[in-house]
Amino acid sequence: PYERAQARFWAKFIEEKCGRAIWTAYGTQGEEKEKAIKDAEEGL
């Protein structure tokens, strides 16, 4: 159960921290794009 909970935690992290930033960087320009790139790098 603990390991399952950890897997769900990291799944949420991948979705919210990494994935969202990566797609935002792809679909924006300027400052929003630069911030998303930094967020993605930090998440990875």
All heavy atoms as atom14 arrays in JSON, in Angstrom:
{
  "sequence": "PYERAQARFWAKFIEEKCGRAIWTAYGTQGEEKEKAIKDAEEGL",
  "atom14_mask": [
    [1, 1, 1, 1, 1, 1, 1, 0, 0, 0, 0, 0, 0, 0],
    [1, 1, 1, 1, 1, 1, 1, 1, 1, 1, 1, 1, 0, 0],
    [1, 1, 1, 1, 1, 1, 1, 1, 1, 0, 0, 0, 0, 0],
    [1, 1, 1, 1, 1, 1, 1, 1, 1, 1, 1, 0, 0, 0],
    [1, 1, 1, 1, 1, 0, 0, 0, 0, 0, 0, 0, 0, 0],
    [1, 1, 1, 1, 1, 1, 1, 1, 1, 0, 0, 0, 0, 0],
    [1, 1, 1, 1, 1, 0, 0, 0, 0, 0, 0, 0, 0, 0],
    [1, 1, 1, 1, 1, 1, 1, 1, 1, 1, 1, 0, 0, 0],
    [1, 1, 1, 1, 1, 1, 1, 1, 1, 1, 1, 0, 0, 0],
    [1, 1, 1, 1, 1, 1, 1, 1, 1, 1, 1, 1, 1, 1],
    [1, 1, 1, 1, 1, 0, 0, 0, 0, 0, 0, 0, 0, 0],
    [1, 1, 1, 1, 1, 1, 1, 1, 1, 0, 0, 0, 0, 0],
    [1, 1, 1, 1, 1, 1, 1, 1, 1, 1, 1, 0, 0, 0],
    [1, 1, 1, 1, 1, 1, 1, 1, 0, 0, 0, 0, 0, 0],
    [1, 1, 1, 1, 1, 1, 1, 1, 1, 0, 0, 0, 0, 0],
    [1, 1, 1, 1, 1, 1, 1, 1, 1, 0, 0, 0, 0, 0],
    [1, 1, 1, 1, 1, 1, 1, 1, 1, 0, 0, 0, 0, 0],
    [1, 1, 1, 1, 1, 1, 0, 0, 0, 0, 0, 0, 0, 0],
    [1, 1, 1, 1, 0, 0, 0, 0, 0, 0, 0, 0, 0, 0],
    [1, 1, 1, 1, 1, 1, 1, 1, 1, 1, 1, 0, 0, 0],
    [1, 1, 1, 1, 1, 0, 0, 0, 0, 0, 0, 0, 0, 0],
    [1, 1, 1, 1, 1, 1, 1, 1, 0, 0, 0, 0, 0, 0],
    [1, 1, 1, 1, 1, 1, 1, 1, 1, 1, 1, 1, 1, 1],
    [1, 1, 1, 1, 1, 1, 1, 0, 0, 0, 0, 0, 0, 0],
    [1, 1, 1, 1, 1, 0, 0, 0, 0, 0, 0, 0, 0, 0],
    [1, 1, 1, 1, 1, 1, 1, 1, 1, 1, 1, 1, 0, 0],
    [1, 1, 1, 1, 0, 0, 0, 0, 0, 0, 0, 0, 0, 0],
    [1, 1, 1, 1, 1, 1, 1, 0, 0, 0, 0, 0, 0, 0],
    [1, 1, 1, 1, 1, 1, 1, 1, 1, 0, 0, 0, 0, 0],
    [1, 1, 1, 1, 0, 0, 0, 0, 0, 0, 0, 0, 0, 0],
    [1, 1, 1, 1, 1, 1, 1, 1, 1, 0, 0, 0, 0, 0],
    [1, 1, 1, 1, 1, 1, 1, 1, 1, 0, 0, 0, 0, 0],
    [1, 1, 1, 1, 1, 1, 1, 1, 1, 0, 0, 0, 0, 0],
    [1, 1, 1, 1, 1, 1, 1, 1, 1, 0, 0, 0, 0, 0],
    [1, 1, 1, 1, 1, 1, 1, 1, 1, 0, 0, 0, 0, 0],
    [1, 1, 1, 1, 1, 0, 0, 0, 0, 0, 0, 0, 0, 0],
    [1, 1, 1, 1, 1, 1, 1, 1, 0, 0, 0, 0, 0, 0],
    [1, 1, 1, 1, 1, 1, 1, 1, 1, 0, 0, 0, 0, 0],
    [1, 1, 1, 1, 1, 1, 1, 1, 0, 0, 0, 0, 0, 0],
    [1, 1, 1, 1, 1, 0, 0, 0, 0, 0, 0, 0, 0, 0],
    [1, 1, 1, 1, 1, 1, 1, 1, 1, 0, 0, 0, 0, 0],
    [1, 1, 1, 1, 1, 1, 1, 1, 1, 0, 0, 0, 0, 0],
    [1, 1, 1, 1, 0, 0, 0, 0, 0, 0, 0, 0, 0, 0],
    [1, 1, 1, 1, 1, 1, 1, 1, 0, 0, 0, 0, 0, 0]
  ],
  "atom14_positions": [
    [[0.8, -1.23, 0.0], [0.0, 0.0, 0.0], [0.84, 1.28, 0.0], [0.49, 2.26, -0.67], [-0.83, -0.11, 1.29], [-0.9, -1.57, 1.57], [0.41, -2.13, 1.09], [0.0, 0.0, 0.0], [0.0, 0.0, 0.0], [0.0, 0.0, 0.0], [0.0, 0.0, 0.0], [0.0, 0.0, 0.0], [0.0, 0.0, 0.0], [0.0, 0.0, 0.0]],
    [[1.93, 1.28, 0.75], [2.78, 2.48, 0.79], [3.43, 2.74, -0.57], [3.46, 3.87, -1.06], [3.85, 2.34, 1.86], [4.8, 3.52, 1.89], [4.4, 4.73, 2.45], [6.08, 3.43, 1.34], [5.26, 5.83, 2.46], [6.94, 4.52, 1.34], [6.53, 5.71, 1.91], [7.37, 6.79, 1.89], [0.0, 0.0, 0.0], [0.0, 0.0, 0.0]],
    [[3.93, 1.68, -1.19], [4.55, 1.82, -2.49], [3.54, 2.26, -3.55], [3.86, 3.03, -4.46], [5.24, 0.52, -2.9], [6.46, 0.19, -2.05], [7.15, -1.08, -2.48], [6.68, -1.7, -3.47], [8.14, -1.46, -1.84], [0.0, 0.0, 0.0], [0.0, 0.0, 0.0], [0.0, 0.0, 0.0], [0.0, 0.0, 0.0], [0.0, 0.0, 0.0]],
    [[2.3, 1.76, -3.43], [1.25, 2.2, -4.35], [0.97, 3.69, -4.17], [0.8, 4.43, -5.15], [-0.04, 1.41, -4.13], [-0.05, 0.03, -4.73], [-1.46, -0.48, -4.97], [-2.29, -0.43, -3.78], [-2.33, -1.37, -2.85], [-1.54, -2.43, -2.96], [-3.12, -1.27, -1.81], [0.0, 0.0, 0.0], [0.0, 0.0, 0.0], [0.0, 0.0, 0.0]],
    [[0.94, 4.12, -2.91], [0.71, 5.54, -2.63], [1.83, 6.39, -3.21], [1.59, 7.48, -3.78], [0.59, 5.77, -1.13], [0.0, 0.0, 0.0], [0.0, 0.0, 0.0], [0.0, 0.0, 0.0], [0.0, 0.0, 0.0], [0.0, 0.0, 0.0], [0.0, 0.0, 0.0], [0.0, 0.0, 0.0], [0.0, 0.0, 0.0], [0.0, 0.0, 0.0]],
    [[3.07, 5.91, -3.1], [4.21, 6.64, -3.67], [4.11, 6.72, -5.19], [4.41, 7.77, -5.79], [5.51, 5.95, -3.25], [5.86, 6.1, -1.79], [6.06, 7.56, -1.39], [6.92, 8.25, -1.92], [5.24, 8.03, -0.46], [0.0, 0.0, 0.0], [0.0, 0.0, 0.0], [0.0, 0.0, 0.0], [0.0, 0.0, 0.0], [0.0, 0.0, 0.0]],
    [[3.69, 5.64, -5.82], [3.53, 5.63, -7.28], [2.48, 6.65, -7.7], [2.66, 7.39, -8.67], [3.16, 4.24, -7.76], [0.0, 0.0, 0.0], [0.0, 0.0, 0.0], [0.0, 0.0, 0.0], [0.0, 0.0, 0.0], [0.0, 0.0, 0.0], [0.0, 0.0, 0.0], [0.0, 0.0, 0.0], [0.0, 0.0, 0.0], [0.0, 0.0, 0.0]],
    [[1.39, 6.72, -6.94], [0.33, 7.7, -7.27], [0.83, 9.13, -7.06], [0.49, 10.03, -7.82], [-0.91, 7.42, -6.42], [-1.61, 6.1, -6.79], [-2.89, 5.92, -5.99], [-3.58, 4.71, -6.41], [-3.69, 3.61, -5.67], [-3.15, 3.58, -4.45], [-4.35, 2.56, -6.11], [0.0, 0.0, 0.0], [0.0, 0.0, 0.0], [0.0, 0.0, 0.0]],
    [[1.64, 9.32, -6.02], [2.22, 10.65, -5.78], [3.07, 11.09, -6.96], [2.94, 12.21, -7.47], [3.07, 10.63, -4.51], [3.93, 11.87, -4.35], [3.41, 13.01, -3.78], [5.25, 11.88, -4.81], [4.2, 14.15, -3.66], [6.04, 13.01, -4.69], [5.51, 14.16, -4.11], [0.0, 0.0, 0.0], [0.0, 0.0, 0.0], [0.0, 0.0, 0.0]],
    [[3.96, 10.2, -7.42], [4.84, 10.56, -8.52], [4.07, 10.71, -9.84], [4.44, 11.54, -10.68], [5.96, 9.53, -8.66], [7.03, 9.7, -7.63], [7.3, 8.88, -6.57], [7.97, 10.78, -7.55], [8.34, 9.38, -5.83], [8.78, 10.54, -6.41], [8.2, 11.92, -8.31], [9.8, 11.4, -6.03], [9.23, 12.77, -7.93], [10.01, 12.52, -6.81]],
    [[3.01, 9.95, -10.0], [2.18, 10.1, -11.2], [1.57, 11.5, -11.24], [1.55, 12.16, -12.3], [1.09, 9.04, -11.22], [0.0, 0.0, 0.0], [0.0, 0.0, 0.0], [0.0, 0.0, 0.0], [0.0, 0.0, 0.0], [0.0, 0.0, 0.0], [0.0, 0.0, 0.0], [0.0, 0.0, 0.0], [0.0, 0.0, 0.0], [0.0, 0.0, 0.0]],
    [[1.09, 11.95, -10.09], [0.52, 13.3, -10.02], [1.6, 14.35, -10.25], [1.35, 15.37, -10.92], [-0.13, 13.5, -8.65], [-1.02, 14.73, -8.52], [-1.74, 14.73, -7.19], [-2.67, 15.94, -7.07], [-3.79, 15.87, -8.03], [0.0, 0.0, 0.0], [0.0, 0.0, 0.0], [0.0, 0.0, 0.0], [0.0, 0.0, 0.0], [0.0, 0.0, 0.0]],
    [[2.79, 14.11, -9.74], [3.91, 15.03, -9.94], [4.27, 15.12, -11.43], [4.47, 16.21, -11.97], [5.13, 14.56, -9.15], [6.35, 15.41, -9.35], [6.54, 16.54, -8.58], [7.29, 15.08, -10.32], [7.66, 17.34, -8.77], [8.4, 15.87, -10.52], [8.6, 17.01, -9.74], [0.0, 0.0, 0.0], [0.0, 0.0, 0.0], [0.0, 0.0, 0.0]],
    [[4.36, 13.98, -12.1], [4.69, 13.95, -13.52], [3.66, 14.73, -14.32], [4.0, 15.53, -15.2], [4.78, 12.5, -14.02], [6.03, 11.81, -13.44], [4.82, 12.44, -15.55], [6.04, 10.31, -13.63], [0.0, 0.0, 0.0], [0.0, 0.0, 0.0], [0.0, 0.0, 0.0], [0.0, 0.0, 0.0], [0.0, 0.0, 0.0], [0.0, 0.0, 0.0]],
    [[2.4, 14.52, -13.99], [1.32, 15.19, -14.72], [1.3, 16.69, -14.47], [1.23, 17.49, -15.41], [-0.02, 14.57, -14.31], [-1.22, 15.17, -15.02], [-2.53, 14.55, -14.56], [-2.61, 14.15, -13.39], [-3.45, 14.49, -15.37], [0.0, 0.0, 0.0], [0.0, 0.0, 0.0], [0.0, 0.0, 0.0], [0.0, 0.0, 0.0], [0.0, 0.0, 0.0]],
    [[1.39, 17.09, -13.18], [1.19, 18.48, -12.83], [2.45, 19.33, -12.93], [2.38, 20.51, -13.29], [0.61, 18.58, -11.42], [-0.79, 18.0, -11.31], [-1.41, 18.21, -9.94], [-0.68, 18.68, -9.02], [-2.6, 17.9, -9.79], [0.0, 0.0, 0.0], [0.0, 0.0, 0.0], [0.0, 0.0, 0.0], [0.0, 0.0, 0.0], [0.0, 0.0, 0.0]],
    [[3.61, 18.75, -12.6], [4.84, 19.53, -12.58], [5.6, 19.44, -13.9], [6.05, 20.45, -14.44], [5.74, 19.06, -11.42], [7.0, 19.88, -11.24], [6.71, 21.31, -10.83], [8.0, 22.08, -10.57], [7.75, 23.48, -10.19], [0.0, 0.0, 0.0], [0.0, 0.0, 0.0], [0.0, 0.0, 0.0], [0.0, 0.0, 0.0], [0.0, 0.0, 0.0]],
    [[5.74, 18.22, -14.43], [6.54, 18.04, -15.64], [5.7, 18.22, -16.9], [5.98, 19.08, -17.74], [7.19, 16.65, -15.64], [8.27, 16.34, -14.25], [0.0, 0.0, 0.0], [0.0, 0.0, 0.0], [0.0, 0.0, 0.0], [0.0, 0.0, 0.0], [0.0, 0.0, 0.0], [0.0, 0.0, 0.0], [0.0, 0.0, 0.0], [0.0, 0.0, 0.0]],
    [[4.66, 17.42, -17.01], [3.86, 17.43, -18.24], [3.25, 18.77, -18.55], [3.31, 19.26, -19.68], [0.0, 0.0, 0.0], [0.0, 0.0, 0.0], [0.0, 0.0, 0.0], [0.0, 0.0, 0.0], [0.0, 0.0, 0.0], [0.0, 0.0, 0.0], [0.0, 0.0, 0.0], [0.0, 0.0, 0.0], [0.0, 0.0, 0.0], [0.0, 0.0, 0.0]],
    [[2.65, 19.39, -17.54], [1.98, 20.68, -17.77], [2.98, 21.74, -18.23], [2.69, 22.53, -19.14], [1.29, 21.11, -16.47], [0.36, 22.29, -16.63], [-0.44, 22.49, -15.35], [-1.32, 21.35, -15.08], [-1.96, 21.16, -13.92], [-1.8, 22.03, -12.93], [-2.75, 20.12, -13.76], [0.0, 0.0, 0.0], [0.0, 0.0, 0.0], [0.0, 0.0, 0.0]],
    [[4.17, 21.76, -17.63], [5.18, 22.75, -18.02], [5.69, 22.5, -19.44], [5.9, 23.44, -20.21], [6.34, 22.72, -17.03], [0.0, 0.0, 0.0], [0.0, 0.0, 0.0], [0.0, 0.0, 0.0], [0.0, 0.0, 0.0], [0.0, 0.0, 0.0], [0.0, 0.0, 0.0], [0.0, 0.0, 0.0], [0.0, 0.0, 0.0], [0.0, 0.0, 0.0]],
    [[5.89, 21.23, -19.78], [6.4, 20.89, -21.12], [5.41, 21.33, -22.19], [5.78, 21.95, -23.19], [6.69, 19.39, -21.19], [7.92, 19.04, -20.35], [6.9, 18.95, -22.65], [8.08, 17.56, -20.08], [0.0, 0.0, 0.0], [0.0, 0.0, 0.0], [0.0, 0.0, 0.0], [0.0, 0.0, 0.0], [0.0, 0.0, 0.0], [0.0, 0.0, 0.0]],
    [[4.13, 21.01, -21.99], [3.13, 21.38, -22.99], [2.91, 22.88, -23.04], [2.65, 23.44, -24.12], [1.82, 20.64, -22.73], [1.9, 19.18, -23.08], [2.11, 18.14, -22.23], [1.83, 18.62, -24.39], [2.16, 16.95, -22.92], [1.99, 17.21, -24.25], [1.64, 19.15, -25.65], [1.96, 16.34, -25.33], [1.61, 18.28, -26.74], [1.76, 16.91, -26.59]],
    [[3.04, 23.55, -21.89], [2.9, 25.01, -21.88], [4.03, 25.66, -22.66], [3.81, 26.6, -23.44], [2.9, 25.54, -20.43], [1.77, 24.99, -19.74], [2.81, 27.06, -20.4], [0.0, 0.0, 0.0], [0.0, 0.0, 0.0], [0.0, 0.0, 0.0], [0.0, 0.0, 0.0], [0.0, 0.0, 0.0], [0.0, 0.0, 0.0], [0.0, 0.0, 0.0]],
    [[5.26, 25.18, -22.48], [6.39, 25.73, -23.23], [6.22, 25.53, -24.73], [6.56, 26.42, -25.52], [7.69, 25.09, -22.74], [0.0, 0.0, 0.0], [0.0, 0.0, 0.0], [0.0, 0.0, 0.0], [0.0, 0.0, 0.0], [0.0, 0.0, 0.0], [0.0, 0.0, 0.0], [0.0, 0.0, 0.0], [0.0, 0.0, 0.0], [0.0, 0.0, 0.0]],
    [[5.72, 24.37, -25.11], [5.49, 24.11, -26.53], [4.43, 25.05, -27.11], [4.56, 25.51, -28.25], [5.04, 22.66, -26.71], [4.45, 22.36, -28.07], [5.26, 22.2, -29.19], [3.07, 22.26, -28.23], [4.7, 21.94, -30.43], [2.51, 22.0, -29.47], [3.33, 21.84, -30.57], [2.78, 21.59, -31.81], [0.0, 0.0, 0.0], [0.0, 0.0, 0.0]],
    [[3.41, 25.38, -26.33], [2.27, 26.11, -26.87], [2.22, 27.58, -26.54], [1.18, 28.22, -26.7], [0.0, 0.0, 0.0], [0.0, 0.0, 0.0], [0.0, 0.0, 0.0], [0.0, 0.0, 0.0], [0.0, 0.0, 0.0], [0.0, 0.0, 0.0], [0.0, 0.0, 0.0], [0.0, 0.0, 0.0], [0.0, 0.0, 0.0], [0.0, 0.0, 0.0]],
    [[3.35, 28.17, -26.07], [3.36, 29.59, -25.74], [4.62, 30.26, -26.28], [5.49, 29.61, -26.85], [3.31, 29.8, -24.21], [4.4, 29.12, -23.59], [2.0, 29.28, -23.63], [0.0, 0.0, 0.0], [0.0, 0.0, 0.0], [0.0, 0.0, 0.0], [0.0, 0.0, 0.0], [0.0, 0.0, 0.0], [0.0, 0.0, 0.0], [0.0, 0.0, 0.0]],
    [[4.7, 31.57, -26.06], [5.88, 32.35, -26.45], [6.27, 33.29, -25.32], [5.54, 33.44, -24.33], [5.57, 33.17, -27.71], [5.46, 32.35, -28.98], [5.21, 33.25, -30.19], [4.29, 34.04, -30.22], [6.06, 33.12, -31.2], [0.0, 0.0, 0.0], [0.0, 0.0, 0.0], [0.0, 0.0, 0.0], [0.0, 0.0, 0.0], [0.0, 0.0, 0.0]],
    [[7.44, 33.93, -25.48], [7.86, 34.98, -24.57], [8.08, 34.52, -23.15], [8.6, 33.43, -22.9], [0.0, 0.0, 0.0], [0.0, 0.0, 0.0], [0.0, 0.0, 0.0], [0.0, 0.0, 0.0], [0.0, 0.0, 0.0], [0.0, 0.0, 0.0], [0.0, 0.0, 0.0], [0.0, 0.0, 0.0], [0.0, 0.0, 0.0], [0.0, 0.0, 0.0]],
    [[7.7, 35.37, -22.19], [7.97, 35.1, -20.78], [7.28, 33.83, -20.29], [7.84, 33.09, -19.48], [7.53, 36.3, -19.93], [8.38, 37.54, -20.15], [7.96, 38.68, -19.23], [7.05, 38.46, -18.39], [8.54, 39.77, -19.34], [0.0, 0.0, 0.0], [0.0, 0.0, 0.0], [0.0, 0.0, 0.0], [0.0, 0.0, 0.0], [0.0, 0.0, 0.0]],
    [[6.06, 33.6, -20.75], [5.34, 32.39, -20.33], [6.08, 31.13, -20.77], [6.19, 30.16, -20.01], [3.92, 32.39, -20.9], [3.06, 31.27, -20.35], [1.62, 31.34, -20.86], [1.3, 32.23, -21.67], [0.83, 30.48, -20.44], [0.0, 0.0, 0.0], [0.0, 0.0, 0.0], [0.0, 0.0, 0.0], [0.0, 0.0, 0.0], [0.0, 0.0, 0.0]],
    [[6.62, 31.17, -21.98], [7.39, 30.04, -22.49], [8.67, 29.84, -21.67], [9.01, 28.71, -21.29], [7.73, 30.26, -23.96], [8.54, 29.17, -24.62], [8.8, 29.51, -26.08], [9.68, 28.49, -26.75], [9.96, 28.84, -28.17], [0.0, 0.0, 0.0], [0.0, 0.0, 0.0], [0.0, 0.0, 0.0], [0.0, 0.0, 0.0], [0.0, 0.0, 0.0]],
    [[9.38, 30.93, -21.39], [10.63, 30.85, -20.62], [10.38, 30.29, -19.22], [11.15, 29.46, -18.73], [11.28, 32.23, -20.54], [11.81, 32.73, -21.88], [12.36, 34.14, -21.78], [12.42, 34.68, -20.65], [12.75, 34.69, -22.82], [0.0, 0.0, 0.0], [0.0, 0.0, 0.0], [0.0, 0.0, 0.0], [0.0, 0.0, 0.0], [0.0, 0.0, 0.0]],
    [[9.32, 30.74, -18.57], [8.99, 30.25, -17.24], [8.65, 28.76, -17.28], [9.07, 27.98, -16.42], [7.82, 31.02, -16.64], [7.46, 30.56, -15.23], [6.28, 31.34, -14.68], [5.98, 30.92, -13.23], [5.75, 29.47, -13.09], [0.0, 0.0, 0.0], [0.0, 0.0, 0.0], [0.0, 0.0, 0.0], [0.0, 0.0, 0.0], [0.0, 0.0, 0.0]],
    [[7.91, 28.36, -18.31], [7.52, 26.95, -18.43], [8.74, 26.07, -18.65], [8.81, 24.95, -18.12], [6.52, 26.79, -19.57], [0.0, 0.0, 0.0], [0.0, 0.0, 0.0], [0.0, 0.0, 0.0], [0.0, 0.0, 0.0], [0.0, 0.0, 0.0], [0.0, 0.0, 0.0], [0.0, 0.0, 0.0], [0.0, 0.0, 0.0], [0.0, 0.0, 0.0]],
    [[9.71, 26.55, -19.43], [10.94, 25.78, -19.65], [11.68, 25.57, -18.33], [12.13, 24.46, -18.02], [11.85, 26.49, -20.67], [11.21, 26.46, -22.06], [13.23, 25.83, -20.71], [11.94, 27.31, -23.09], [0.0, 0.0, 0.0], [0.0, 0.0, 0.0], [0.0, 0.0, 0.0], [0.0, 0.0, 0.0], [0.0, 0.0, 0.0], [0.0, 0.0, 0.0]],
    [[11.78, 26.62, -17.52], [12.45, 26.51, -16.22], [11.71, 25.55, -15.3], [12.31, 24.74, -14.59], [12.58, 27.89, -15.57], [13.56, 28.81, -16.29], [13.62, 30.18, -15.61], [14.59, 31.09, -16.34], [14.62, 32.45, -15.72], [0.0, 0.0, 0.0], [0.0, 0.0, 0.0], [0.0, 0.0, 0.0], [0.0, 0.0, 0.0], [0.0, 0.0, 0.0]],
    [[10.37, 25.64, -15.32], [9.56, 24.74, -14.49], [9.75, 23.28, -14.92], [9.84, 22.38, -14.07], [8.08, 25.11, -14.59], [7.75, 26.4, -13.87], [8.57, 26.86, -13.04], [6.66, 26.95, -14.11], [0.0, 0.0, 0.0], [0.0, 0.0, 0.0], [0.0, 0.0, 0.0], [0.0, 0.0, 0.0], [0.0, 0.0, 0.0], [0.0, 0.0, 0.0]],
    [[9.82, 23.06, -16.23], [10.01, 21.7, -16.74], [11.38, 21.16, -16.34], [11.51, 20.01, -15.93], [9.85, 21.69, -18.26], [0.0, 0.0, 0.0], [0.0, 0.0, 0.0], [0.0, 0.0, 0.0], [0.0, 0.0, 0.0], [0.0, 0.0, 0.0], [0.0, 0.0, 0.0], [0.0, 0.0, 0.0], [0.0, 0.0, 0.0], [0.0, 0.0, 0.0]],
    [[12.4, 22.0, -16.48], [13.75, 21.58, -16.1], [13.82, 21.21, -14.61], [14.44, 20.21, -14.24], [14.74, 22.7, -16.41], [14.96, 22.93, -17.91], [15.81, 24.15, -18.19], [15.93, 25.02, -17.29], [16.34, 24.25, -19.31], [0.0, 0.0, 0.0], [0.0, 0.0, 0.0], [0.0, 0.0, 0.0], [0.0, 0.0, 0.0], [0.0, 0.0, 0.0]],
    [[13.17, 22.02, -13.79], [13.16, 21.75, -12.35], [12.42, 20.45, -12.05], [12.88, 19.62, -11.24], [12.47, 22.91, -11.62], [12.38, 22.71, -10.1], [11.61, 23.84, -9.43], [11.55, 24.95, -10.0], [11.07, 23.59, -8.34], [0.0, 0.0, 0.0], [0.0, 0.0, 0.0], [0.0, 0.0, 0.0], [0.0, 0.0, 0.0], [0.0, 0.0, 0.0]],
    [[11.29, 20.24, -12.72], [10.52, 19.02, -12.51], [11.27, 17.78, -12.94], [11.26, 16.75, -12.24], [0.0, 0.0, 0.0], [0.0, 0.0, 0.0], [0.0, 0.0, 0.0], [0.0, 0.0, 0.0], [0.0, 0.0, 0.0], [0.0, 0.0, 0.0], [0.0, 0.0, 0.0], [0.0, 0.0, 0.0], [0.0, 0.0, 0.0], [0.0, 0.0, 0.0]],
    [[11.94, 17.85, -14.07], [12.71, 16.71, -14.56], [13.88, 16.39, -13.64], [14.22, 15.22, -13.45], [13.21, 16.98, -15.98], [12.13, 17.03, -17.07], [12.71, 17.54, -18.38], [11.5, 15.66, -17.27], [0.0, 0.0, 0.0], [0.0, 0.0, 0.0], [0.0, 0.0, 0.0], [0.0, 0.0, 0.0], [0.0, 0.0, 0.0], [0.0, 0.0, 0.0]]
  ]
}
